[in-house]
Amino acid sequence: MAKSALEAAGIDAMIQADSAGGMRPHLASASGGFKILVRDEDAVAAREVLEPLAQAGIDDESES
């Protein structure tokens, strides 16, 4: 959901997770979950987009 919100705002984003190439998806949550990556120059705008989602308790796990 977070990635979709960023892309809707025109911000390119990637989800990073260590899942052994998709073979062991449980590793991603065991190793601290997922990270959303954006370009340095988009970081401030990305925070502005994601802050309301975080305050509402919405996370990006449903998208993975």
N, C-alpha and C. Protein backbone atom coordinates (compact mmCIF):
# COMPACT_ATOMS: atom_id res chain seq x y z
N MET A 1 0.81 -1.18 0.00
CA MET A 1 0.00 0.00 0.00
C MET A 1 0.87 1.26 0.00
N ALA A 2 1.95 1.24 0.76
CA ALA A 2 2.84 2.40 0.80
C ALA A 2 3.48 2.65 -0.55
N LYS A 3 3.93 1.59 -1.20
CA LYS A 3 4.56 1.73 -2.52
C LYS A 3 3.57 2.32 -3.51
N SER A 4 2.34 1.87 -3.48
CA SER A 4 1.31 2.40 -4.37
C SER A 4 1.05 3.88 -4.11
N ALA A 5 1.03 4.27 -2.84
CA ALA A 5 0.81 5.67 -2.50
C ALA A 5 1.95 6.54 -3.01
N LEU A 6 3.18 6.06 -2.88
CA LEU A 6 4.32 6.81 -3.38
C LEU A 6 4.27 6.95 -4.89
N GLU A 7 3.99 5.86 -5.58
CA GLU A 7 3.93 5.90 -7.04
C GLU A 7 2.80 6.79 -7.53
N ALA A 8 1.67 6.81 -6.81
CA ALA A 8 0.57 7.69 -7.18
C ALA A 8 0.97 9.16 -7.04
N ALA A 9 1.92 9.43 -6.13
CA ALA A 9 2.42 10.79 -5.94
C ALA A 9 3.58 11.11 -6.89
N GLY A 10 3.89 10.17 -7.79
CA GLY A 10 4.96 10.40 -8.75
C GLY A 10 6.35 10.12 -8.21
N ILE A 11 6.44 9.33 -7.15
CA ILE A 11 7.72 9.00 -6.53
C ILE A 11 8.03 7.53 -6.83
N ASP A 12 9.15 7.28 -7.51
CA ASP A 12 9.57 5.91 -7.77
C ASP A 12 9.98 5.26 -6.45
N ALA A 13 9.55 4.01 -6.25
CA ALA A 13 9.86 3.31 -5.01
C ALA A 13 10.07 1.83 -5.29
N MET A 14 10.89 1.22 -4.44
CA MET A 14 11.14 -0.22 -4.50
C MET A 14 10.97 -0.80 -3.11
N ILE A 15 10.54 -2.05 -3.05
CA ILE A 15 10.46 -2.74 -1.77
C ILE A 15 11.65 -3.68 -1.70
N GLN A 16 12.40 -3.60 -0.61
CA GLN A 16 13.56 -4.46 -0.40
C GLN A 16 13.25 -5.41 0.74
N ALA A 17 13.48 -6.70 0.50
CA ALA A 17 13.30 -7.70 1.55
C ALA A 17 14.23 -8.87 1.25
N ASP A 18 14.78 -9.45 2.27
CA ASP A 18 15.63 -10.61 2.09
C ASP A 18 14.77 -11.86 2.21
N SER A 19 14.40 -12.42 1.07
CA SER A 19 13.57 -13.63 1.08
C SER A 19 14.25 -14.75 0.30
N ALA A 20 15.57 -14.68 0.18
CA ALA A 20 16.35 -15.70 -0.53
C ALA A 20 15.81 -15.91 -1.94
N GLY A 21 15.61 -14.83 -2.63
CA GLY A 21 15.12 -14.92 -4.01
C GLY A 21 13.70 -15.42 -4.12
N GLY A 22 12.91 -15.21 -3.09
CA GLY A 22 11.52 -15.66 -3.10
C GLY A 22 11.34 -17.08 -2.60
N MET A 23 12.43 -17.77 -2.34
CA MET A 23 12.35 -19.17 -1.92
C MET A 23 11.96 -19.30 -0.44
N ARG A 24 12.26 -18.27 0.35
CA ARG A 24 11.98 -18.33 1.79
C ARG A 24 11.39 -17.00 2.26
N PRO A 25 10.12 -16.76 1.94
CA PRO A 25 9.52 -15.47 2.28
C PRO A 25 9.48 -15.17 3.77
N HIS A 26 9.52 -16.19 4.61
CA HIS A 26 9.50 -15.96 6.06
C HIS A 26 10.76 -15.24 6.54
N LEU A 27 11.85 -15.31 5.77
CA LEU A 27 13.08 -14.62 6.17
C LEU A 27 12.90 -13.11 6.22
N ALA A 28 12.09 -12.57 5.33
CA ALA A 28 11.90 -11.12 5.29
C ALA A 28 11.32 -10.61 6.60
N SER A 29 10.31 -11.25 7.10
CA SER A 29 9.72 -10.78 8.36
C SER A 29 10.60 -11.11 9.55
N ALA A 30 11.35 -12.20 9.48
CA ALA A 30 12.24 -12.57 10.58
C ALA A 30 13.45 -11.64 10.68
N SER A 31 13.84 -11.05 9.57
CA SER A 31 15.03 -10.20 9.58
C SER A 31 14.70 -8.72 9.72
N GLY A 32 13.52 -8.40 10.16
CA GLY A 32 13.18 -7.00 10.39
C GLY A 32 12.18 -6.45 9.40
N GLY A 33 11.67 -7.29 8.53
CA GLY A 33 10.62 -6.87 7.63
C GLY A 33 11.12 -6.32 6.31
N PHE A 34 10.39 -5.38 5.79
CA PHE A 34 10.61 -4.84 4.47
C PHE A 34 11.04 -3.39 4.57
N LYS A 35 11.77 -2.94 3.58
CA LYS A 35 12.16 -1.54 3.50
C LYS A 35 11.64 -0.98 2.19
N ILE A 36 11.17 0.25 2.23
CA ILE A 36 10.76 0.95 1.02
C ILE A 36 11.89 1.91 0.67
N LEU A 37 12.41 1.76 -0.52
CA LEU A 37 13.53 2.58 -0.98
C LEU A 37 13.06 3.63 -1.97
N VAL A 38 13.52 4.86 -1.78
CA VAL A 38 13.26 5.95 -2.73
C VAL A 38 14.57 6.68 -2.98
N ARG A 39 14.61 7.47 -4.02
CA ARG A 39 15.81 8.26 -4.30
C ARG A 39 16.01 9.29 -3.19
N ASP A 40 17.28 9.64 -2.97
CA ASP A 40 17.59 10.65 -1.95
C ASP A 40 16.80 11.93 -2.17
N GLU A 41 16.71 12.35 -3.41
CA GLU A 41 16.03 13.62 -3.69
C GLU A 41 14.51 13.54 -3.49
N ASP A 42 13.97 12.33 -3.35
CA ASP A 42 12.53 12.16 -3.12
C ASP A 42 12.20 11.87 -1.65
N ALA A 43 13.21 11.80 -0.80
CA ALA A 43 13.00 11.35 0.58
C ALA A 43 12.03 12.24 1.36
N VAL A 44 12.17 13.54 1.25
CA VAL A 44 11.29 14.45 2.01
C VAL A 44 9.85 14.30 1.52
N ALA A 45 9.66 14.29 0.22
CA ALA A 45 8.30 14.13 -0.33
C ALA A 45 7.71 12.77 0.04
N ALA A 46 8.55 11.74 0.04
CA ALA A 46 8.07 10.40 0.40
C ALA A 46 7.59 10.37 1.84
N ARG A 47 8.33 11.01 2.73
CA ARG A 47 7.89 11.07 4.14
C ARG A 47 6.54 11.77 4.26
N GLU A 48 6.37 12.83 3.49
CA GLU A 48 5.10 13.56 3.54
C GLU A 48 3.94 12.69 3.06
N VAL A 49 4.20 11.84 2.07
CA VAL A 49 3.16 10.94 1.56
C VAL A 49 2.88 9.83 2.57
N LEU A 50 3.92 9.29 3.16
CA LEU A 50 3.76 8.11 4.03
C LEU A 50 3.33 8.43 5.45
N GLU A 51 3.61 9.63 5.92
CA GLU A 51 3.27 9.97 7.30
C GLU A 51 1.79 9.76 7.63
N PRO A 52 0.85 10.23 6.79
CA PRO A 52 -0.56 9.98 7.11
C PRO A 52 -0.90 8.49 7.16
N LEU A 53 -0.25 7.67 6.33
CA LEU A 53 -0.50 6.23 6.37
C LEU A 53 0.00 5.65 7.70
N ALA A 54 1.18 6.09 8.13
CA ALA A 54 1.73 5.60 9.39
C ALA A 54 0.85 6.00 10.57
N GLN A 55 0.36 7.23 10.54
CA GLN A 55 -0.50 7.70 11.63
C GLN A 55 -1.81 6.92 11.66
N ALA A 56 -2.28 6.47 10.51
CA ALA A 56 -3.52 5.70 10.44
C ALA A 56 -3.29 4.23 10.76
N GLY A 57 -2.00 3.85 10.94
CA GLY A 57 -1.69 2.46 11.26
C GLY A 57 -1.70 1.55 10.07
N ILE A 58 -1.53 2.11 8.88
CA ILE A 58 -1.52 1.31 7.65
C ILE A 58 -0.07 1.01 7.31
N ASP A 59 0.21 -0.25 6.97
CA ASP A 59 1.57 -0.62 6.58
C ASP A 59 1.56 -1.21 5.18
N ASP A 60 2.74 -1.59 4.70
CA ASP A 60 2.86 -2.07 3.34
C ASP A 60 2.93 -3.59 3.24
N GLU A 61 2.69 -4.33 4.30
CA GLU A 61 2.82 -5.76 4.26
C GLU A 61 1.78 -6.39 3.35
N SER A 62 0.63 -5.78 3.18
CA SER A 62 -0.40 -6.36 2.32
C SER A 62 -0.02 -6.36 0.87
N GLU A 63 0.99 -5.56 0.51
CA GLU A 63 1.39 -5.46 -0.89
C GLU A 63 2.43 -6.49 -1.28
N SER A 64 3.09 -7.08 -0.34
CA SER A 64 4.17 -8.01 -0.66
C SER A 64 3.67 -9.41 -0.89
